N, C-alpha and C. Protein backbone atom coordinates (compact mmCIF):
# COMPACT_ATOMS: atom_id res chain seq x y z
N UNK A 1 -56.49 -44.36 45.19
CA UNK A 1 -56.82 -45.02 46.44
C UNK A 1 -58.32 -45.03 46.66
N UNK A 2 -58.98 -43.93 46.33
CA UNK A 2 -60.42 -43.87 46.52
C UNK A 2 -61.13 -44.89 45.64
N UNK A 3 -60.65 -45.06 44.40
CA UNK A 3 -61.25 -46.05 43.51
C UNK A 3 -61.02 -47.46 44.02
N UNK A 4 -59.82 -47.74 44.50
CA UNK A 4 -59.53 -49.06 45.05
C UNK A 4 -60.40 -49.34 46.28
N UNK A 5 -60.60 -48.34 47.09
CA UNK A 5 -61.44 -48.50 48.29
C UNK A 5 -62.88 -48.82 47.90
N UNK A 6 -63.41 -48.18 46.85
CA UNK A 6 -64.79 -48.48 46.42
C UNK A 6 -64.90 -49.90 45.86
N UNK A 7 -63.79 -50.48 45.45
CA UNK A 7 -63.77 -51.87 44.97
C UNK A 7 -63.47 -52.84 46.11
N UNK A 8 -63.60 -52.37 47.35
CA UNK A 8 -63.49 -53.19 48.56
C UNK A 8 -62.05 -53.54 48.95
N UNK A 9 -61.08 -52.79 48.46
CA UNK A 9 -59.70 -52.99 48.90
C UNK A 9 -59.44 -52.14 50.14
N UNK A 10 -58.61 -52.66 51.04
CA UNK A 10 -58.11 -51.85 52.14
C UNK A 10 -56.98 -51.00 51.57
N UNK A 11 -57.01 -49.71 51.82
CA UNK A 11 -55.99 -48.83 51.25
C UNK A 11 -55.35 -47.97 52.33
N UNK A 12 -54.11 -47.63 52.07
CA UNK A 12 -53.40 -46.62 52.87
C UNK A 12 -52.36 -46.03 51.95
N UNK A 13 -51.86 -44.87 52.33
CA UNK A 13 -50.91 -44.22 51.46
C UNK A 13 -49.98 -43.29 52.20
N UNK A 14 -48.93 -42.92 51.53
CA UNK A 14 -47.94 -41.99 52.04
C UNK A 14 -47.88 -40.80 51.10
N UNK A 15 -47.71 -39.62 51.67
CA UNK A 15 -47.62 -38.40 50.88
C UNK A 15 -46.77 -37.41 51.66
N UNK A 16 -45.82 -36.78 50.98
CA UNK A 16 -44.92 -35.84 51.65
C UNK A 16 -45.46 -34.41 51.66
N UNK A 17 -46.41 -34.12 50.80
CA UNK A 17 -46.95 -32.76 50.70
C UNK A 17 -48.11 -32.57 51.68
N UNK A 18 -47.99 -31.60 52.58
CA UNK A 18 -49.08 -31.31 53.52
C UNK A 18 -50.36 -30.93 52.77
N UNK A 19 -50.23 -30.16 51.70
CA UNK A 19 -51.40 -29.74 50.93
C UNK A 19 -52.11 -30.96 50.31
N UNK A 20 -51.34 -31.90 49.79
CA UNK A 20 -51.94 -33.10 49.19
C UNK A 20 -52.59 -33.98 50.25
N UNK A 21 -51.99 -34.05 51.43
CA UNK A 21 -52.59 -34.81 52.53
C UNK A 21 -53.95 -34.22 52.91
N UNK A 22 -54.00 -32.89 53.02
CA UNK A 22 -55.27 -32.21 53.33
C UNK A 22 -56.30 -32.45 52.25
N UNK A 23 -55.89 -32.32 51.00
CA UNK A 23 -56.81 -32.51 49.88
C UNK A 23 -57.37 -33.93 49.85
N UNK A 24 -56.52 -34.93 50.07
CA UNK A 24 -56.98 -36.32 50.09
C UNK A 24 -58.01 -36.55 51.19
N UNK A 25 -57.79 -35.91 52.33
CA UNK A 25 -58.74 -36.04 53.44
C UNK A 25 -60.05 -35.33 53.12
N UNK A 26 -59.95 -34.10 52.62
CA UNK A 26 -61.16 -33.31 52.35
C UNK A 26 -62.00 -33.88 51.22
N UNK A 27 -61.37 -34.28 50.13
CA UNK A 27 -62.11 -34.75 48.96
C UNK A 27 -62.52 -36.21 49.04
N UNK A 28 -61.65 -37.04 49.61
CA UNK A 28 -61.87 -38.48 49.53
C UNK A 28 -61.93 -39.18 50.88
N UNK A 29 -61.82 -38.42 51.96
CA UNK A 29 -61.80 -38.98 53.31
C UNK A 29 -60.70 -40.04 53.46
N UNK A 30 -59.54 -39.75 52.90
CA UNK A 30 -58.39 -40.65 53.00
C UNK A 30 -57.40 -40.07 54.00
N UNK A 31 -56.87 -40.92 54.83
CA UNK A 31 -55.83 -40.52 55.78
C UNK A 31 -54.49 -41.01 55.22
N UNK A 32 -53.58 -40.09 54.96
CA UNK A 32 -52.28 -40.43 54.41
C UNK A 32 -51.20 -40.19 55.45
N UNK A 33 -50.20 -41.03 55.43
CA UNK A 33 -49.05 -40.88 56.32
C UNK A 33 -48.06 -39.90 55.71
N UNK A 34 -47.49 -39.01 56.50
CA UNK A 34 -46.48 -38.08 55.97
C UNK A 34 -45.08 -38.69 55.94
N UNK A 35 -44.95 -39.97 56.32
CA UNK A 35 -43.63 -40.60 56.36
C UNK A 35 -43.16 -41.01 54.98
N UNK A 36 -41.89 -40.79 54.66
CA UNK A 36 -41.33 -41.37 53.44
C UNK A 36 -41.37 -42.91 53.56
N UNK A 37 -41.47 -43.60 52.44
CA UNK A 37 -41.58 -45.06 52.48
C UNK A 37 -40.43 -45.71 53.25
N UNK A 38 -39.25 -45.13 53.13
CA UNK A 38 -38.09 -45.75 53.80
C UNK A 38 -38.17 -45.66 55.32
N UNK A 39 -39.08 -44.83 55.86
CA UNK A 39 -39.25 -44.70 57.31
C UNK A 39 -40.57 -45.29 57.80
N UNK A 40 -41.38 -45.81 56.90
CA UNK A 40 -42.67 -46.37 57.27
C UNK A 40 -42.44 -47.71 57.98
N UNK A 41 -43.02 -47.91 59.17
CA UNK A 41 -42.76 -49.12 59.96
C UNK A 41 -43.57 -50.35 59.54
N UNK A 42 -44.45 -50.25 58.54
CA UNK A 42 -45.36 -51.36 58.23
C UNK A 42 -44.75 -52.39 57.28
N UNK A 43 -43.59 -52.92 57.61
CA UNK A 43 -42.87 -53.86 56.74
C UNK A 43 -43.69 -55.12 56.47
N UNK A 44 -43.64 -55.56 55.21
CA UNK A 44 -44.27 -56.81 54.82
C UNK A 44 -45.78 -56.83 54.89
N UNK A 45 -46.43 -55.69 54.80
CA UNK A 45 -47.89 -55.66 54.98
C UNK A 45 -48.68 -55.38 53.70
N UNK A 46 -48.03 -55.05 52.61
CA UNK A 46 -48.75 -54.63 51.41
C UNK A 46 -48.68 -55.66 50.30
N UNK A 47 -49.81 -55.82 49.60
CA UNK A 47 -49.87 -56.68 48.42
C UNK A 47 -49.46 -55.90 47.17
N UNK A 48 -49.80 -54.60 47.14
CA UNK A 48 -49.52 -53.76 45.98
C UNK A 48 -49.11 -52.37 46.46
N UNK A 49 -48.10 -51.82 45.83
CA UNK A 49 -47.70 -50.42 46.05
C UNK A 49 -47.61 -49.77 44.69
N UNK A 50 -48.19 -48.57 44.58
CA UNK A 50 -48.08 -47.81 43.34
C UNK A 50 -47.27 -46.55 43.60
N UNK A 51 -46.44 -46.21 42.66
CA UNK A 51 -45.67 -44.96 42.69
C UNK A 51 -45.94 -44.26 41.37
N UNK A 52 -47.01 -43.48 41.36
CA UNK A 52 -47.48 -42.81 40.14
C UNK A 52 -46.96 -41.39 40.15
N UNK A 53 -45.95 -41.12 39.34
CA UNK A 53 -45.40 -39.77 39.26
C UNK A 53 -44.65 -39.38 40.53
N UNK A 54 -43.88 -40.29 41.08
CA UNK A 54 -43.19 -40.05 42.35
C UNK A 54 -41.67 -39.96 42.16
N UNK A 55 -41.08 -40.97 41.55
CA UNK A 55 -39.62 -41.09 41.51
C UNK A 55 -38.91 -39.87 40.96
N UNK A 56 -39.51 -39.24 39.96
CA UNK A 56 -38.86 -38.10 39.31
C UNK A 56 -38.74 -36.89 40.22
N UNK A 57 -39.46 -36.88 41.33
CA UNK A 57 -39.45 -35.74 42.24
C UNK A 57 -38.58 -35.96 43.47
N UNK A 58 -37.95 -37.13 43.58
CA UNK A 58 -37.18 -37.47 44.77
C UNK A 58 -35.69 -37.28 44.56
N UNK A 59 -35.02 -36.76 45.59
CA UNK A 59 -33.56 -36.68 45.53
C UNK A 59 -32.92 -38.06 45.62
N UNK A 60 -33.57 -38.98 46.33
CA UNK A 60 -33.03 -40.32 46.53
C UNK A 60 -34.08 -41.38 46.20
N UNK A 61 -34.37 -41.59 44.91
CA UNK A 61 -35.39 -42.57 44.55
C UNK A 61 -35.02 -43.99 44.96
N UNK A 62 -33.74 -44.29 45.04
CA UNK A 62 -33.31 -45.63 45.44
C UNK A 62 -33.80 -45.96 46.86
N UNK A 63 -33.73 -45.01 47.78
CA UNK A 63 -34.22 -45.24 49.14
C UNK A 63 -35.72 -45.51 49.15
N UNK A 64 -36.47 -44.75 48.35
CA UNK A 64 -37.92 -44.96 48.28
C UNK A 64 -38.24 -46.34 47.71
N UNK A 65 -37.51 -46.76 46.68
CA UNK A 65 -37.76 -48.08 46.10
C UNK A 65 -37.38 -49.20 47.07
N UNK A 66 -36.30 -49.01 47.81
CA UNK A 66 -35.94 -49.99 48.85
C UNK A 66 -37.03 -50.03 49.93
N UNK A 67 -37.57 -48.87 50.27
CA UNK A 67 -38.66 -48.81 51.23
C UNK A 67 -39.88 -49.56 50.73
N UNK A 68 -40.22 -49.40 49.46
CA UNK A 68 -41.35 -50.12 48.88
C UNK A 68 -41.11 -51.62 48.93
N UNK A 69 -39.89 -52.03 48.62
CA UNK A 69 -39.55 -53.46 48.66
C UNK A 69 -39.77 -54.01 50.07
N UNK A 70 -39.33 -53.28 51.06
CA UNK A 70 -39.46 -53.70 52.47
C UNK A 70 -40.92 -53.75 52.90
N UNK A 71 -41.74 -52.83 52.41
CA UNK A 71 -43.15 -52.78 52.80
C UNK A 71 -44.01 -53.86 52.14
N UNK A 72 -43.57 -54.36 50.98
CA UNK A 72 -44.34 -55.38 50.28
C UNK A 72 -44.19 -56.75 50.92
N UNK A 73 -45.28 -57.52 50.87
CA UNK A 73 -45.22 -58.94 51.25
C UNK A 73 -44.46 -59.67 50.15
N UNK A 74 -43.96 -60.86 50.46
CA UNK A 74 -43.38 -61.71 49.42
C UNK A 74 -44.46 -61.97 48.38
N UNK A 75 -44.11 -61.84 47.12
CA UNK A 75 -45.08 -62.00 46.04
C UNK A 75 -45.85 -60.72 45.75
N UNK A 76 -45.56 -59.63 46.47
CA UNK A 76 -46.25 -58.35 46.26
C UNK A 76 -45.81 -57.66 44.98
N UNK A 77 -46.64 -56.75 44.51
CA UNK A 77 -46.39 -56.05 43.25
C UNK A 77 -46.11 -54.56 43.47
N UNK A 78 -45.18 -54.04 42.71
CA UNK A 78 -44.88 -52.61 42.68
C UNK A 78 -45.17 -52.12 41.27
N UNK A 79 -45.95 -51.03 41.19
CA UNK A 79 -46.21 -50.39 39.90
C UNK A 79 -45.59 -49.00 39.95
N UNK A 80 -44.73 -48.69 38.98
CA UNK A 80 -44.08 -47.39 38.88
C UNK A 80 -44.47 -46.76 37.55
N UNK A 81 -44.89 -45.50 37.62
CA UNK A 81 -45.15 -44.72 36.41
C UNK A 81 -44.30 -43.46 36.56
N UNK A 82 -43.38 -43.25 35.63
CA UNK A 82 -42.46 -42.13 35.75
C UNK A 82 -42.03 -41.65 34.37
N UNK A 83 -41.72 -40.37 34.24
CA UNK A 83 -41.15 -39.91 32.98
C UNK A 83 -39.84 -40.64 32.70
N UNK A 84 -39.54 -40.82 31.45
CA UNK A 84 -38.31 -41.50 31.05
C UNK A 84 -37.44 -40.53 30.26
N UNK A 85 -36.20 -40.91 30.10
CA UNK A 85 -35.33 -40.11 29.26
C UNK A 85 -35.92 -40.06 27.86
N UNK A 86 -35.92 -38.91 27.28
CA UNK A 86 -36.24 -38.78 25.86
C UNK A 86 -35.08 -37.98 25.26
N UNK A 87 -35.27 -37.33 24.16
CA UNK A 87 -34.16 -36.64 23.49
C UNK A 87 -33.45 -35.66 24.42
N UNK A 88 -34.21 -34.88 25.18
CA UNK A 88 -33.60 -33.91 26.09
C UNK A 88 -32.75 -34.62 27.14
N UNK A 89 -33.26 -35.69 27.70
CA UNK A 89 -32.52 -36.42 28.71
C UNK A 89 -31.25 -37.04 28.17
N UNK A 90 -31.33 -37.56 26.96
CA UNK A 90 -30.13 -38.17 26.35
C UNK A 90 -29.06 -37.10 26.10
N UNK A 91 -29.50 -35.92 25.70
CA UNK A 91 -28.57 -34.82 25.48
C UNK A 91 -27.90 -34.42 26.80
N UNK A 92 -28.69 -34.29 27.85
CA UNK A 92 -28.14 -33.94 29.17
C UNK A 92 -27.19 -35.03 29.66
N UNK A 93 -27.54 -36.28 29.44
CA UNK A 93 -26.68 -37.39 29.88
C UNK A 93 -25.34 -37.35 29.15
N UNK A 94 -25.38 -36.96 27.88
CA UNK A 94 -24.15 -36.84 27.11
C UNK A 94 -23.21 -35.82 27.74
N UNK A 95 -23.78 -34.78 28.32
CA UNK A 95 -22.99 -33.72 28.95
C UNK A 95 -22.60 -34.04 30.39
N UNK A 96 -23.22 -35.06 30.99
CA UNK A 96 -23.03 -35.33 32.41
C UNK A 96 -22.58 -36.77 32.62
N UNK A 97 -21.83 -37.00 33.69
CA UNK A 97 -21.41 -38.36 34.01
C UNK A 97 -22.44 -39.07 34.88
N UNK A 98 -23.44 -38.36 35.42
CA UNK A 98 -24.47 -38.96 36.27
C UNK A 98 -25.50 -39.64 35.38
N UNK A 99 -25.74 -40.93 35.59
CA UNK A 99 -26.58 -41.69 34.65
C UNK A 99 -28.07 -41.51 34.87
N UNK A 100 -28.51 -40.96 36.01
CA UNK A 100 -29.96 -40.83 36.19
C UNK A 100 -30.41 -39.41 36.46
N UNK A 101 -29.53 -38.53 36.87
CA UNK A 101 -29.98 -37.20 37.29
C UNK A 101 -30.09 -36.27 36.11
N UNK A 102 -31.29 -35.80 35.87
CA UNK A 102 -31.52 -34.81 34.83
C UNK A 102 -32.43 -33.76 35.44
N UNK A 103 -31.87 -32.67 35.88
CA UNK A 103 -32.68 -31.58 36.42
C UNK A 103 -33.29 -30.83 35.24
N UNK A 104 -34.57 -30.61 35.30
CA UNK A 104 -35.28 -29.95 34.20
C UNK A 104 -35.78 -28.60 34.68
N UNK A 105 -34.92 -27.57 34.65
CA UNK A 105 -35.36 -26.27 35.14
C UNK A 105 -36.36 -25.61 34.20
N UNK A 106 -37.26 -24.86 34.75
CA UNK A 106 -38.25 -24.10 33.99
C UNK A 106 -37.84 -22.63 34.04
N UNK A 107 -38.40 -21.80 33.18
CA UNK A 107 -38.06 -20.37 33.20
C UNK A 107 -38.30 -19.72 34.56
N UNK A 108 -39.21 -20.28 35.36
CA UNK A 108 -39.49 -19.73 36.69
C UNK A 108 -38.37 -20.04 37.67
N UNK A 109 -37.44 -20.92 37.29
CA UNK A 109 -36.38 -21.35 38.19
C UNK A 109 -36.73 -22.61 38.94
N UNK A 110 -37.99 -23.05 38.86
CA UNK A 110 -38.44 -24.26 39.54
C UNK A 110 -37.92 -25.48 38.79
N UNK A 111 -37.37 -26.44 39.50
CA UNK A 111 -36.92 -27.69 38.89
C UNK A 111 -38.05 -28.70 39.01
N UNK A 112 -38.59 -29.12 37.87
CA UNK A 112 -39.75 -30.01 37.87
C UNK A 112 -39.37 -31.46 38.17
N UNK A 113 -38.36 -31.96 37.51
CA UNK A 113 -37.97 -33.36 37.68
C UNK A 113 -36.51 -33.44 38.08
N UNK A 114 -36.27 -34.12 39.18
CA UNK A 114 -34.91 -34.25 39.68
C UNK A 114 -34.21 -35.49 39.13
N UNK A 115 -34.99 -36.54 38.83
CA UNK A 115 -34.43 -37.81 38.39
C UNK A 115 -35.24 -38.34 37.21
N UNK A 116 -34.56 -38.79 36.20
CA UNK A 116 -35.20 -39.51 35.11
C UNK A 116 -34.39 -40.77 34.85
N UNK A 117 -35.08 -41.85 34.59
CA UNK A 117 -34.43 -43.13 34.34
C UNK A 117 -34.59 -43.52 32.88
N UNK A 118 -33.57 -44.14 32.34
CA UNK A 118 -33.72 -44.82 31.06
C UNK A 118 -34.25 -46.21 31.37
N UNK A 119 -34.68 -46.93 30.36
CA UNK A 119 -35.13 -48.31 30.58
C UNK A 119 -33.99 -49.14 31.17
N UNK A 120 -32.79 -48.91 30.69
CA UNK A 120 -31.63 -49.67 31.17
C UNK A 120 -31.34 -49.39 32.64
N UNK A 121 -31.33 -48.12 33.04
CA UNK A 121 -31.04 -47.83 34.45
C UNK A 121 -32.19 -48.27 35.36
N UNK A 122 -33.43 -48.25 34.85
CA UNK A 122 -34.55 -48.74 35.65
C UNK A 122 -34.41 -50.24 35.89
N UNK A 123 -34.06 -50.99 34.84
CA UNK A 123 -33.85 -52.45 35.01
C UNK A 123 -32.75 -52.73 36.03
N UNK A 124 -31.63 -52.04 35.90
CA UNK A 124 -30.52 -52.26 36.82
C UNK A 124 -30.90 -51.90 38.25
N UNK A 125 -31.62 -50.80 38.41
CA UNK A 125 -32.04 -50.36 39.74
C UNK A 125 -32.97 -51.38 40.38
N UNK A 126 -33.96 -51.85 39.64
CA UNK A 126 -34.91 -52.81 40.20
C UNK A 126 -34.22 -54.13 40.56
N UNK A 127 -33.32 -54.58 39.72
CA UNK A 127 -32.57 -55.82 40.03
C UNK A 127 -31.69 -55.64 41.27
N UNK A 128 -31.05 -54.49 41.37
CA UNK A 128 -30.20 -54.18 42.52
C UNK A 128 -30.99 -54.28 43.82
N UNK A 129 -32.21 -53.80 43.82
CA UNK A 129 -33.05 -53.82 45.01
C UNK A 129 -33.57 -55.23 45.31
N UNK A 130 -33.78 -56.03 44.27
CA UNK A 130 -34.28 -57.39 44.46
C UNK A 130 -35.59 -57.67 43.75
N UNK A 131 -36.12 -56.68 43.03
CA UNK A 131 -37.37 -56.87 42.30
C UNK A 131 -37.14 -57.68 41.03
N UNK A 132 -38.17 -58.41 40.62
CA UNK A 132 -38.21 -59.01 39.29
C UNK A 132 -39.13 -58.14 38.45
N UNK A 133 -38.68 -57.72 37.29
CA UNK A 133 -39.52 -56.91 36.41
C UNK A 133 -40.44 -57.86 35.64
N UNK A 134 -41.74 -57.66 35.82
CA UNK A 134 -42.75 -58.46 35.12
C UNK A 134 -42.99 -57.87 33.74
N UNK A 135 -43.09 -56.55 33.67
CA UNK A 135 -43.31 -55.86 32.39
C UNK A 135 -42.82 -54.43 32.52
N UNK A 136 -42.23 -53.94 31.44
CA UNK A 136 -41.80 -52.55 31.40
C UNK A 136 -42.05 -52.05 29.99
N UNK A 137 -42.64 -50.86 29.91
CA UNK A 137 -42.90 -50.29 28.58
C UNK A 137 -42.73 -48.78 28.64
N UNK A 138 -42.20 -48.25 27.56
CA UNK A 138 -42.11 -46.79 27.41
C UNK A 138 -43.26 -46.38 26.50
N UNK A 139 -43.98 -45.33 26.91
CA UNK A 139 -45.18 -44.91 26.20
C UNK A 139 -45.13 -43.42 25.89
N UNK A 140 -45.90 -43.03 24.91
CA UNK A 140 -46.03 -41.62 24.53
C UNK A 140 -47.33 -41.11 25.13
N UNK A 141 -47.23 -40.48 26.29
CA UNK A 141 -48.41 -39.96 26.98
C UNK A 141 -48.05 -38.63 27.62
N UNK A 142 -48.88 -37.66 27.38
CA UNK A 142 -48.68 -36.34 27.98
C UNK A 142 -49.90 -36.01 28.81
N UNK A 143 -49.68 -35.58 30.05
CA UNK A 143 -50.76 -35.38 30.99
C UNK A 143 -51.38 -33.99 30.92
N UNK A 144 -50.73 -33.06 30.27
CA UNK A 144 -51.23 -31.69 30.13
C UNK A 144 -51.31 -31.36 28.64
N UNK A 145 -52.06 -30.33 28.30
CA UNK A 145 -52.05 -29.89 26.89
C UNK A 145 -50.63 -29.46 26.49
N UNK A 146 -50.27 -29.71 25.25
CA UNK A 146 -48.94 -29.38 24.76
C UNK A 146 -48.60 -27.91 25.02
N UNK A 147 -49.58 -27.04 24.89
CA UNK A 147 -49.34 -25.61 25.09
C UNK A 147 -48.78 -25.34 26.49
N UNK A 148 -49.25 -26.08 27.48
CA UNK A 148 -48.75 -25.90 28.86
C UNK A 148 -47.27 -26.27 28.95
N UNK A 149 -46.88 -27.35 28.29
CA UNK A 149 -45.46 -27.74 28.29
C UNK A 149 -44.62 -26.69 27.57
N UNK A 150 -45.10 -26.24 26.42
CA UNK A 150 -44.34 -25.25 25.65
C UNK A 150 -44.19 -23.94 26.43
N UNK A 151 -45.26 -23.50 27.07
CA UNK A 151 -45.18 -22.28 27.88
C UNK A 151 -44.18 -22.44 29.02
N UNK A 152 -44.17 -23.64 29.65
CA UNK A 152 -43.23 -23.87 30.75
C UNK A 152 -41.78 -23.86 30.29
N UNK A 153 -41.58 -24.11 28.99
CA UNK A 153 -40.22 -24.08 28.43
C UNK A 153 -39.87 -22.72 27.83
N UNK A 154 -40.80 -21.77 27.95
CA UNK A 154 -40.50 -20.41 27.50
C UNK A 154 -40.95 -20.06 26.11
N UNK A 155 -41.72 -20.94 25.44
CA UNK A 155 -42.24 -20.60 24.11
C UNK A 155 -43.30 -19.52 24.30
N UNK A 156 -43.17 -18.44 23.55
CA UNK A 156 -44.09 -17.32 23.72
C UNK A 156 -45.50 -17.70 23.30
N UNK A 157 -46.45 -16.97 23.82
CA UNK A 157 -47.84 -17.25 23.48
C UNK A 157 -48.16 -16.71 22.10
N UNK A 158 -49.36 -16.94 21.65
CA UNK A 158 -49.81 -16.43 20.36
C UNK A 158 -49.66 -17.42 19.25
N UNK A 159 -49.36 -16.90 18.08
CA UNK A 159 -49.30 -17.70 16.86
C UNK A 159 -48.26 -18.82 16.93
N UNK A 160 -47.07 -18.46 17.41
CA UNK A 160 -45.98 -19.43 17.50
C UNK A 160 -46.39 -20.61 18.38
N UNK A 161 -47.00 -20.32 19.50
CA UNK A 161 -47.44 -21.36 20.43
C UNK A 161 -48.54 -22.21 19.81
N UNK A 162 -49.51 -21.58 19.18
CA UNK A 162 -50.62 -22.31 18.55
C UNK A 162 -50.14 -23.23 17.44
N UNK A 163 -49.23 -22.75 16.61
CA UNK A 163 -48.70 -23.55 15.51
C UNK A 163 -47.92 -24.75 16.04
N UNK A 164 -47.01 -24.50 16.97
CA UNK A 164 -46.20 -25.59 17.54
C UNK A 164 -47.09 -26.60 18.27
N UNK A 165 -48.08 -26.13 19.00
CA UNK A 165 -48.99 -27.02 19.73
C UNK A 165 -49.75 -27.93 18.77
N UNK A 166 -50.26 -27.36 17.69
CA UNK A 166 -51.04 -28.14 16.73
C UNK A 166 -50.20 -29.27 16.13
N UNK A 167 -48.98 -28.96 15.72
CA UNK A 167 -48.11 -29.97 15.13
C UNK A 167 -47.76 -31.05 16.15
N UNK A 168 -47.36 -30.62 17.34
CA UNK A 168 -46.98 -31.60 18.37
C UNK A 168 -48.16 -32.46 18.80
N UNK A 169 -49.35 -31.88 18.91
CA UNK A 169 -50.54 -32.66 19.27
C UNK A 169 -50.81 -33.75 18.24
N UNK A 170 -50.66 -33.43 16.95
CA UNK A 170 -50.86 -34.43 15.90
C UNK A 170 -49.83 -35.56 16.03
N UNK A 171 -48.58 -35.19 16.29
CA UNK A 171 -47.53 -36.20 16.44
C UNK A 171 -47.81 -37.11 17.64
N UNK A 172 -48.23 -36.52 18.74
CA UNK A 172 -48.52 -37.31 19.95
C UNK A 172 -49.71 -38.23 19.70
N UNK A 173 -50.78 -37.70 19.09
CA UNK A 173 -51.96 -38.51 18.81
C UNK A 173 -51.63 -39.72 17.93
N UNK A 174 -50.67 -39.55 17.04
CA UNK A 174 -50.27 -40.65 16.14
C UNK A 174 -49.12 -41.48 16.72
N UNK A 175 -48.74 -41.18 17.95
CA UNK A 175 -47.65 -41.88 18.65
C UNK A 175 -46.33 -41.77 17.88
N UNK A 176 -46.11 -40.59 17.27
CA UNK A 176 -44.88 -40.33 16.52
C UNK A 176 -43.89 -39.48 17.32
N UNK A 177 -44.24 -39.16 18.54
CA UNK A 177 -43.40 -38.30 19.36
C UNK A 177 -42.63 -39.16 20.36
N UNK A 178 -41.78 -38.54 21.14
CA UNK A 178 -40.95 -39.25 22.10
C UNK A 178 -41.78 -40.10 23.06
N UNK A 179 -41.30 -41.27 23.33
CA UNK A 179 -41.88 -42.08 24.40
C UNK A 179 -41.36 -41.51 25.70
N UNK A 180 -42.17 -40.73 26.34
CA UNK A 180 -41.73 -39.90 27.45
C UNK A 180 -42.07 -40.42 28.83
N UNK A 181 -42.82 -41.50 28.91
CA UNK A 181 -43.17 -42.07 30.21
C UNK A 181 -42.91 -43.57 30.21
N UNK A 182 -42.70 -44.10 31.40
CA UNK A 182 -42.38 -45.50 31.57
C UNK A 182 -43.34 -46.12 32.57
N UNK A 183 -43.86 -47.28 32.23
CA UNK A 183 -44.66 -48.09 33.15
C UNK A 183 -43.83 -49.31 33.51
N UNK A 184 -43.69 -49.55 34.80
CA UNK A 184 -42.87 -50.67 35.25
C UNK A 184 -43.68 -51.47 36.27
N UNK A 185 -43.85 -52.75 36.01
CA UNK A 185 -44.54 -53.67 36.90
C UNK A 185 -43.51 -54.63 37.47
N UNK A 186 -43.34 -54.62 38.79
CA UNK A 186 -42.31 -55.43 39.44
C UNK A 186 -42.92 -56.36 40.47
N UNK A 187 -42.25 -57.46 40.70
CA UNK A 187 -42.68 -58.47 41.67
C UNK A 187 -41.60 -58.61 42.73
N UNK A 188 -42.01 -58.64 43.99
CA UNK A 188 -41.09 -59.01 45.06
C UNK A 188 -41.12 -60.53 45.12
N UNK A 189 -40.01 -61.19 44.83
CA UNK A 189 -40.01 -62.65 44.77
C UNK A 189 -40.50 -63.29 46.07
N UNK A 190 -41.12 -64.44 45.95
CA UNK A 190 -41.63 -65.15 47.12
C UNK A 190 -40.49 -65.52 48.07
N UNK A 191 -39.31 -65.66 47.53
CA UNK A 191 -38.15 -66.05 48.36
C UNK A 191 -37.57 -64.87 49.13
N UNK A 192 -38.01 -63.65 48.82
CA UNK A 192 -37.43 -62.46 49.47
C UNK A 192 -38.08 -62.17 50.81
């Protein structure tokens, strides 16, 4: 939002975390609404909405996406960046009848991601809401060092961690690892 504002765009945002709201204000002088999108009253006022790393943390991502649809003007764009099912998700789906819910517990007991979508379920979800998908791609991108992911999964530190990290980093750099994130560009039709 701060970058868009420096490029002369009018910006506003929603954030559910009090700490993130404070941080946005302190660091970037941004005022964020604590309302979930589905309760935001500014219907039809936005040209673009981004959901960067949001859907996977929501119990009801469908409500948030419907809220985004309602907030966009006709012809508005929605950009979603979210983790996608990879090998672990496909394994969990095999064991479960729920097509999108994959809870990813960590050794600490904290559940990092509540929802993960496959490309197929993302397409169906966006169509159900009324969006037209302009482009969708699954990419191999990791936002933290591999060692951080391995530690969160309980891989012990030391030699084992260093060896596994080195191999996985090489695979990721060469795009030989799981396509673990999805970029989705959607259009709210002019007729909507």
